[in-house]
Amino acid sequence: MVMTKNIKIAIEEVLEEIRPMLHSHGGDIELVEWLEKGKTAQVRFVGGCATCPMAQMTFKNLVEASLKEKLPEIKKIELV
């Protein structure tokens, strides 16, 4: 389990792993905020991903799945 003070770094590392796929479609993702109280990561798509009709599917199947698998201490991931 990742220590709380390092959770933002750990989230960024997971996002870095999925960025090449997003970049190939002209988009990216960023960590907006880590909410310690609810163990919630808030992320935002940018570029082509922000307006893509497949964004919700990409979020669910790639972003959320990757973060939950690699960082089980995260209880919720929100696309904002």
PDB file of N, CA and C in Angstrom:
ATOM      1  N   MET A   1       0.846  -1.188   0.000  1.00  0.00           N
ATOM      2  CA  MET A   1       0.000   0.000   0.000  1.00  0.00           C
ATOM      3  C   MET A   1       0.887   1.247   0.000  1.00  0.00           C
ATOM      4  N   VAL A   2       0.522   2.241  -0.781  1.00  0.00           N
ATOM      5  CA  VAL A   2       1.285   3.470  -0.921  1.00  0.00           C
ATOM      6  C   VAL A   2       0.999   4.389   0.261  1.00  0.00           C
ATOM      7  N   MET A   3       2.056   5.009   0.787  1.00  0.00           N
ATOM      8  CA  MET A   3       1.854   5.977   1.868  1.00  0.00           C
ATOM      9  C   MET A   3       1.121   7.193   1.302  1.00  0.00           C
ATOM     10  N   THR A   4       0.290   7.803   2.129  1.00  0.00           N
ATOM     11  CA  THR A   4      -0.558   8.917   1.703  1.00  0.00           C
ATOM     12  C   THR A   4       0.231  10.042   1.044  1.00  0.00           C
ATOM     13  N   LYS A   5       1.370  10.416   1.611  1.00  0.00           N
ATOM     14  CA  LYS A   5       2.105  11.545   1.054  1.00  0.00           C
ATOM     15  C   LYS A   5       2.678  11.234  -0.329  1.00  0.00           C
ATOM     16  N   ASN A   6       2.749   9.963  -0.676  1.00  0.00           N
ATOM     17  CA  ASN A   6       3.270   9.579  -1.975  1.00  0.00           C
ATOM     18  C   ASN A   6       2.178   9.204  -2.974  1.00  0.00           C
ATOM     19  N   ILE A   7       0.929   9.284  -2.575  1.00  0.00           N
ATOM     20  CA  ILE A   7      -0.153   8.831  -3.440  1.00  0.00           C
ATOM     21  C   ILE A   7      -0.239   9.648  -4.718  1.00  0.00           C
ATOM     22  N   LYS A   8      -0.027  10.946  -4.652  1.00  0.00           N
ATOM     23  CA  LYS A   8      -0.076  11.773  -5.859  1.00  0.00           C
ATOM     24  C   LYS A   8       0.997  11.338  -6.849  1.00  0.00           C
ATOM     25  N   ILE A   9       2.175  11.036  -6.342  1.00  0.00           N
ATOM     26  CA  ILE A   9       3.265  10.569  -7.207  1.00  0.00           C
ATOM     27  C   ILE A   9       2.885   9.234  -7.825  1.00  0.00           C
ATOM     28  N   ALA A  10       2.313   8.345  -7.033  1.00  0.00           N
ATOM     29  CA  ALA A  10       1.908   7.033  -7.534  1.00  0.00           C
ATOM     30  C   ALA A  10       0.821   7.165  -8.604  1.00  0.00           C
ATOM     31  N   ILE A  11      -0.130   8.062  -8.400  1.00  0.00           N
ATOM     32  CA  ILE A  11      -1.187   8.293  -9.391  1.00  0.00           C
ATOM     33  C   ILE A  11      -0.571   8.809 -10.683  1.00  0.00           C
ATOM     34  N   GLU A  12       0.338   9.759 -10.568  1.00  0.00           N
ATOM     35  CA  GLU A  12       0.999  10.315 -11.759  1.00  0.00           C
ATOM     36  C   GLU A  12       1.773   9.228 -12.507  1.00  0.00           C
ATOM     37  N   GLU A  13       2.377   8.299 -11.784  1.00  0.00           N
ATOM     38  CA  GLU A  13       3.115   7.214 -12.435  1.00  0.00           C
ATOM     39  C   GLU A  13       2.179   6.315 -13.243  1.00  0.00           C
ATOM     40  N   VAL A  14       1.008   6.021 -12.691  1.00  0.00           N
ATOM     41  CA  VAL A  14       0.031   5.207 -13.425  1.00  0.00           C
ATOM     42  C   VAL A  14      -0.483   5.979 -14.639  1.00  0.00           C
ATOM     43  N   LEU A  15      -0.771   7.255 -14.468  1.00  0.00           N
ATOM     44  CA  LEU A  15      -1.237   8.063 -15.598  1.00  0.00           C
ATOM     45  C   LEU A  15      -0.171   8.131 -16.688  1.00  0.00           C
ATOM     46  N   GLU A  16       1.079   8.188 -16.286  1.00  0.00           N
ATOM     47  CA  GLU A  16       2.183   8.232 -17.253  1.00  0.00           C
ATOM     48  C   GLU A  16       2.216   6.960 -18.106  1.00  0.00           C
ATOM     49  N   GLU A  17       1.846   5.840 -17.516  1.00  0.00           N
ATOM     50  CA  GLU A  17       1.818   4.570 -18.247  1.00  0.00           C
ATOM     51  C   GLU A  17       0.745   4.547 -19.332  1.00  0.00           C
ATOM     52  N   ILE A  18      -0.366   5.246 -19.100  1.00  0.00           N
ATOM     53  CA  ILE A  18      -1.458   5.211 -20.080  1.00  0.00           C
ATOM     54  C   ILE A  18      -1.426   6.391 -21.054  1.00  0.00           C
ATOM     55  N   ARG A  19      -0.574   7.353 -20.788  1.00  0.00           N
ATOM     56  CA  ARG A  19      -0.509   8.541 -21.659  1.00  0.00           C
ATOM     57  C   ARG A  19      -0.176   8.231 -23.115  1.00  0.00           C
ATOM     58  N   PRO A  20       0.727   7.300 -23.412  1.00  0.00           N
ATOM     59  CA  PRO A  20       1.025   7.059 -24.837  1.00  0.00           C
ATOM     60  C   PRO A  20      -0.221   6.722 -25.661  1.00  0.00           C
ATOM     61  N   MET A  21      -1.136   5.973 -25.112  1.00  0.00           N
ATOM     62  CA  MET A  21      -2.364   5.650 -25.832  1.00  0.00           C
ATOM     63  C   MET A  21      -3.213   6.907 -26.044  1.00  0.00           C
ATOM     64  N   LEU A  22      -3.302   7.730 -25.019  1.00  0.00           N
ATOM     65  CA  LEU A  22      -4.077   8.966 -25.137  1.00  0.00           C
ATOM     66  C   LEU A  22      -3.413   9.927 -26.116  1.00  0.00           C
ATOM     67  N   HIS A  23      -2.091  10.021 -26.059  1.00  0.00           N
ATOM     68  CA  HIS A  23      -1.352  10.903 -26.976  1.00  0.00           C
ATOM     69  C   HIS A  23      -1.557  10.478 -28.427  1.00  0.00           C
ATOM     70  N   SER A  24      -1.688   9.183 -28.661  1.00  0.00           N
ATOM     71  CA  SER A  24      -1.875   8.695 -30.033  1.00  0.00           C
ATOM     72  C   SER A  24      -3.207   9.155 -30.619  1.00  0.00           C
ATOM     73  N   HIS A  25      -4.108   9.620 -29.777  1.00  0.00           N
ATOM     74  CA  HIS A  25      -5.406  10.129 -30.221  1.00  0.00           C
ATOM     75  C   HIS A  25      -5.521  11.649 -30.038  1.00  0.00           C
ATOM     76  N   GLY A  26      -4.382  12.290 -29.790  1.00  0.00           N
ATOM     77  CA  GLY A  26      -4.368  13.742 -29.667  1.00  0.00           C
ATOM     78  C   GLY A  26      -4.836  14.266 -28.327  1.00  0.00           C
ATOM     79  N   GLY A  27      -4.808  13.424 -27.294  1.00  0.00           N
ATOM     80  CA  GLY A  27      -5.283  13.857 -25.986  1.00  0.00           C
ATOM     81  C   GLY A  27      -4.293  13.580 -24.871  1.00  0.00           C
ATOM     82  N   ASP A  28      -4.740  13.815 -23.673  1.00  0.00           N
ATOM     83  CA  ASP A  28      -3.926  13.601 -22.479  1.00  0.00           C
ATOM     84  C   ASP A  28      -4.863  13.552 -21.275  1.00  0.00           C
ATOM     85  N   ILE A  29      -4.267  13.313 -20.125  1.00  0.00           N
ATOM     86  CA  ILE A  29      -5.022  13.276 -18.874  1.00  0.00           C
ATOM     87  C   ILE A  29      -4.185  13.953 -17.809  1.00  0.00           C
ATOM     88  N   GLU A  30      -4.863  14.579 -16.851  1.00  0.00           N
ATOM     89  CA  GLU A  30      -4.139  15.216 -15.751  1.00  0.00           C
ATOM     90  C   GLU A  30      -4.841  14.924 -14.429  1.00  0.00           C
ATOM     91  N   LEU A  31      -4.042  14.834 -13.392  1.00  0.00           N
ATOM     92  CA  LEU A  31      -4.580  14.698 -12.044  1.00  0.00           C
ATOM     93  C   LEU A  31      -4.996  16.088 -11.600  1.00  0.00           C
ATOM     94  N   VAL A  32      -6.267  16.246 -11.274  1.00  0.00           N
ATOM     95  CA  VAL A  32      -6.781  17.541 -10.833  1.00  0.00           C
ATOM     96  C   VAL A  32      -6.571  17.675  -9.331  1.00  0.00           C
ATOM     97  N   GLU A  33      -6.978  16.651  -8.588  1.00  0.00           N
ATOM     98  CA  GLU A  33      -6.887  16.731  -7.135  1.00  0.00           C
ATOM     99  C   GLU A  33      -6.954  15.333  -6.525  1.00  0.00           C
ATOM    100  N   TRP A  34      -6.264  15.165  -5.410  1.00  0.00           N
ATOM    101  CA  TRP A  34      -6.366  13.972  -4.576  1.00  0.00           C
ATOM    102  C   TRP A  34      -7.103  14.395  -3.312  1.00  0.00           C
ATOM    103  N   LEU A  35      -8.246  13.768  -3.055  1.00  0.00           N
ATOM    104  CA  LEU A  35      -9.049  14.089  -1.873  1.00  0.00           C
ATOM    105  C   LEU A  35      -8.818  12.992  -0.837  1.00  0.00           C
ATOM    106  N   GLU A  36      -7.965  13.281   0.111  1.00  0.00           N
ATOM    107  CA  GLU A  36      -7.577  12.299   1.129  1.00  0.00           C
ATOM    108  C   GLU A  36      -8.780  11.773   1.902  1.00  0.00           C
ATOM    109  N   LYS A  37      -9.683  12.671   2.270  1.00  0.00           N
ATOM    110  CA  LYS A  37     -10.823  12.280   3.106  1.00  0.00           C
ATOM    111  C   LYS A  37     -11.640  11.153   2.476  1.00  0.00           C
ATOM    112  N   GLY A  38     -11.906  11.256   1.190  1.00  0.00           N
ATOM    113  CA  GLY A  38     -12.701  10.229   0.530  1.00  0.00           C
ATOM    114  C   GLY A  38     -11.873   9.247  -0.282  1.00  0.00           C
ATOM    115  N   LYS A  39     -10.540   9.379  -0.192  1.00  0.00           N
ATOM    116  CA  LYS A  39      -9.631   8.524  -0.971  1.00  0.00           C
ATOM    117  C   LYS A  39     -10.021   8.557  -2.444  1.00  0.00           C
ATOM    118  N   THR A  40     -10.228   9.800  -2.943  1.00  0.00           N
ATOM    119  CA  THR A  40     -10.741  10.010  -4.294  1.00  0.00           C
ATOM    120  C   THR A  40      -9.714  10.747  -5.147  1.00  0.00           C
ATOM    121  N   ALA A  41      -9.497  10.207  -6.339  1.00  0.00           N
ATOM    122  CA  ALA A  41      -8.642  10.871  -7.327  1.00  0.00           C
ATOM    123  C   ALA A  41      -9.551  11.516  -8.362  1.00  0.00           C
ATOM    124  N   GLN A  42      -9.340  12.795  -8.601  1.00  0.00           N
ATOM    125  CA  GLN A  42     -10.089  13.506  -9.635  1.00  0.00           C
ATOM    126  C   GLN A  42      -9.144  13.747 -10.808  1.00  0.00           C
ATOM    127  N   VAL A  43      -9.575  13.326 -11.986  1.00  0.00           N
ATOM    128  CA  VAL A  43      -8.766  13.481 -13.187  1.00  0.00           C
ATOM    129  C   VAL A  43      -9.573  14.192 -14.261  1.00  0.00           C
ATOM    130  N   ARG A  44      -8.833  14.756 -15.230  1.00  0.00           N
ATOM    131  CA  ARG A  44      -9.498  15.478 -16.313  1.00  0.00           C
ATOM    132  C   ARG A  44      -8.801  15.115 -17.627  1.00  0.00           C
ATOM    133  N   PHE A  45      -9.611  14.835 -18.652  1.00  0.00           N
ATOM    134  CA  PHE A  45      -9.079  14.651 -19.990  1.00  0.00           C
ATOM    135  C   PHE A  45      -8.821  16.018 -20.595  1.00  0.00           C
ATOM    136  N   VAL A  46      -7.773  16.121 -21.399  1.00  0.00           N
ATOM    137  CA  VAL A  46      -7.469  17.363 -22.119  1.00  0.00           C
ATOM    138  C   VAL A  46      -7.197  17.027 -23.580  1.00  0.00           C
ATOM    139  N   GLY A  47      -7.159  18.053 -24.401  1.00  0.00           N
ATOM    140  CA  GLY A  47      -6.915  17.842 -25.826  1.00  0.00           C
ATOM    141  C   GLY A  47      -8.055  17.076 -26.467  1.00  0.00           C
ATOM    142  N   GLY A  48      -7.708  16.206 -27.404  1.00  0.00           N
ATOM    143  CA  GLY A  48      -8.697  15.443 -28.137  1.00  0.00           C
ATOM    144  C   GLY A  48      -9.557  14.561 -27.255  1.00  0.00           C
ATOM    145  N   CYS A  49      -9.017  14.131 -26.131  1.00  0.00           N
ATOM    146  CA  CYS A  49      -9.778  13.251 -25.232  1.00  0.00           C
ATOM    147  C   CYS A  49     -10.922  13.986 -24.528  1.00  0.00           C
ATOM    148  N   ALA A  50     -10.779  15.294 -24.378  1.00  0.00           N
ATOM    149  CA  ALA A  50     -11.792  16.072 -23.658  1.00  0.00           C
ATOM    150  C   ALA A  50     -13.129  16.097 -24.391  1.00  0.00           C
ATOM    151  N   THR A  51     -13.088  16.007 -25.710  1.00  0.00           N
ATOM    152  CA  THR A  51     -14.315  16.096 -26.491  1.00  0.00           C
ATOM    153  C   THR A  51     -14.653  14.798 -27.233  1.00  0.00           C
ATOM    154  N   CYS A  52     -13.880  13.773 -26.993  1.00  0.00           N
ATOM    155  CA  CYS A  52     -14.080  12.502 -27.694  1.00  0.00           C
ATOM    156  C   CYS A  52     -15.359  11.809 -27.233  1.00  0.00           C
ATOM    157  N   PRO A  53     -16.157  11.295 -28.171  1.00  0.00           N
ATOM    158  CA  PRO A  53     -17.376  10.582 -27.787  1.00  0.00           C
ATOM    159  C   PRO A  53     -17.088   9.270 -27.043  1.00  0.00           C
ATOM    160  N   MET A  54     -15.861   8.778 -27.127  1.00  0.00           N
ATOM    161  CA  MET A  54     -15.488   7.536 -26.450  1.00  0.00           C
ATOM    162  C   MET A  54     -14.823   7.802 -25.095  1.00  0.00           C
ATOM    163  N   ALA A  55     -14.825   9.044 -24.638  1.00  0.00           N
ATOM    164  CA  ALA A  55     -14.114   9.413 -23.408  1.00  0.00           C
ATOM    165  C   ALA A  55     -14.593   8.622 -22.193  1.00  0.00           C
ATOM    166  N   GLN A  56     -15.892   8.437 -22.061  1.00  0.00           N
ATOM    167  CA  GLN A  56     -16.402   7.698 -20.896  1.00  0.00           C
ATOM    168  C   GLN A  56     -15.924   6.253 -20.912  1.00  0.00           C
ATOM    169  N   MET A  57     -15.891   5.651 -22.080  1.00  0.00           N
ATOM    170  CA  MET A  57     -15.425   4.273 -22.194  1.00  0.00           C
ATOM    171  C   MET A  57     -13.922   4.192 -21.892  1.00  0.00           C
ATOM    172  N   THR A  58     -13.164   5.141 -22.410  1.00  0.00           N
ATOM    173  CA  THR A  58     -11.730   5.185 -22.142  1.00  0.00           C
ATOM    174  C   THR A  58     -11.486   5.377 -20.654  1.00  0.00           C
ATOM    175  N   PHE A  59     -12.257   6.260 -20.049  1.00  0.00           N
ATOM    176  CA  PHE A  59     -12.120   6.498 -18.614  1.00  0.00           C
ATOM    177  C   PHE A  59     -12.361   5.210 -17.835  1.00  0.00           C
ATOM    178  N   LYS A  60     -13.467   4.548 -18.101  1.00  0.00           N
ATOM    179  CA  LYS A  60     -13.859   3.342 -17.358  1.00  0.00           C
ATOM    180  C   LYS A  60     -12.890   2.190 -17.606  1.00  0.00           C
ATOM    181  N   ASN A  61     -12.605   1.900 -18.880  1.00  0.00           N
ATOM    182  CA  ASN A  61     -11.843   0.717 -19.233  1.00  0.00           C
ATOM    183  C   ASN A  61     -10.331   0.877 -19.134  1.00  0.00           C
ATOM    184  N   LEU A  62      -9.843   2.098 -19.191  1.00  0.00           N
ATOM    185  CA  LEU A  62      -8.401   2.306 -19.144  1.00  0.00           C
ATOM    186  C   LEU A  62      -7.969   3.030 -17.874  1.00  0.00           C
ATOM    187  N   VAL A  63      -8.477   4.215 -17.676  1.00  0.00           N
ATOM    188  CA  VAL A  63      -8.020   5.045 -16.551  1.00  0.00           C
ATOM    189  C   VAL A  63      -8.452   4.437 -15.221  1.00  0.00           C
ATOM    190  N   GLU A  64      -9.742   4.266 -15.038  1.00  0.00           N
ATOM    191  CA  GLU A  64     -10.256   3.743 -13.769  1.00  0.00           C
ATOM    192  C   GLU A  64      -9.719   2.338 -13.498  1.00  0.00           C
ATOM    193  N   ALA A  65      -9.728   1.484 -14.502  1.00  0.00           N
ATOM    194  CA  ALA A  65      -9.251   0.113 -14.317  1.00  0.00           C
ATOM    195  C   ALA A  65      -7.772   0.082 -13.924  1.00  0.00           C
ATOM    196  N   SER A  66      -6.951   0.900 -14.576  1.00  0.00           N
ATOM    197  CA  SER A  66      -5.510   0.930 -14.278  1.00  0.00           C
ATOM    198  C   SER A  66      -5.241   1.445 -12.865  1.00  0.00           C
ATOM    199  N   LEU A  67      -5.913   2.538 -12.502  1.00  0.00           N
ATOM    200  CA  LEU A  67      -5.691   3.100 -11.168  1.00  0.00           C
ATOM    201  C   LEU A  67      -6.158   2.144 -10.073  1.00  0.00           C
ATOM    202  N   LYS A  68      -7.312   1.531 -10.243  1.00  0.00           N
ATOM    203  CA  LYS A  68      -7.820   0.614  -9.213  1.00  0.00           C
ATOM    204  C   LYS A  68      -6.948  -0.629  -9.088  1.00  0.00           C
ATOM    205  N   GLU A  69      -6.453  -1.116 -10.214  1.00  0.00           N
ATOM    206  CA  GLU A  69      -5.610  -2.311 -10.184  1.00  0.00           C
ATOM    207  C   GLU A  69      -4.276  -2.046  -9.485  1.00  0.00           C
ATOM    208  N   LYS A  70      -3.656  -0.917  -9.801  1.00  0.00           N
ATOM    209  CA  LYS A  70      -2.317  -0.639  -9.294  1.00  0.00           C
ATOM    210  C   LYS A  70      -2.310   0.077  -7.951  1.00  0.00           C
ATOM    211  N   LEU A  71      -3.400   0.750  -7.609  1.00  0.00           N
ATOM    212  CA  LEU A  71      -3.481   1.515  -6.363  1.00  0.00           C
ATOM    213  C   LEU A  71      -4.800   1.216  -5.657  1.00  0.00           C
ATOM    214  N   PRO A  72      -4.919   0.046  -5.056  1.00  0.00           N
ATOM    215  CA  PRO A  72      -6.196  -0.344  -4.444  1.00  0.00           C
ATOM    216  C   PRO A  72      -6.641   0.549  -3.287  1.00  0.00           C
ATOM    217  N   GLU A  73      -5.739   1.372  -2.761  1.00  0.00           N
ATOM    218  CA  GLU A  73      -6.125   2.280  -1.679  1.00  0.00           C
ATOM    219  C   GLU A  73      -7.019   3.411  -2.175  1.00  0.00           C
ATOM    220  N   ILE A  74      -7.068   3.626  -3.494  1.00  0.00           N
ATOM    221  CA  ILE A  74      -7.975   4.622  -4.057  1.00  0.00           C
ATOM    222  C   ILE A  74      -9.377   4.022  -4.053  1.00  0.00           C
ATOM    223  N   LYS A  75     -10.294   4.704  -3.424  1.00  0.00           N
ATOM    224  CA  LYS A  75     -11.671   4.212  -3.315  1.00  0.00           C
ATOM    225  C   LYS A  75     -12.555   4.692  -4.464  1.00  0.00           C
ATOM    226  N   LYS A  76     -12.208   5.859  -5.049  1.00  0.00           N
ATOM    227  CA  LYS A  76     -13.050   6.432  -6.086  1.00  0.00           C
ATOM    228  C   LYS A  76     -12.193   7.226  -7.056  1.00  0.00           C
ATOM    229  N   ILE A  77     -12.521   7.120  -8.330  1.00  0.00           N
ATOM    230  CA  ILE A  77     -11.871   7.922  -9.354  1.00  0.00           C
ATOM    231  C   ILE A  77     -12.974   8.685 -10.072  1.00  0.00           C
ATOM    232  N   GLU A  78     -12.829  10.005 -10.141  1.00  0.00           N
ATOM    233  CA  GLU A  78     -13.844  10.851 -10.763  1.00  0.00           C
ATOM    234  C   GLU A  78     -13.265  11.550 -11.973  1.00  0.00           C
ATOM    235  N   LEU A  79     -14.020  11.582 -13.046  1.00  0.00           N
ATOM    236  CA  LEU A  79     -13.675  12.349 -14.220  1.00  0.00           C
ATOM    237  C   LEU A  79     -14.369  13.703 -14.082  1.00  0.00           C
ATOM    238  N   VAL A  80     -13.581  14.760 -13.987  1.00  0.00           N
ATOM    239  CA  VAL A  80     -14.147  16.105 -13.755  1.00  0.00           C
ATOM    240  C   VAL A  80     -13.878  17.007 -14.943  1.00  0.00           C
TER     241      VAL A  80
END
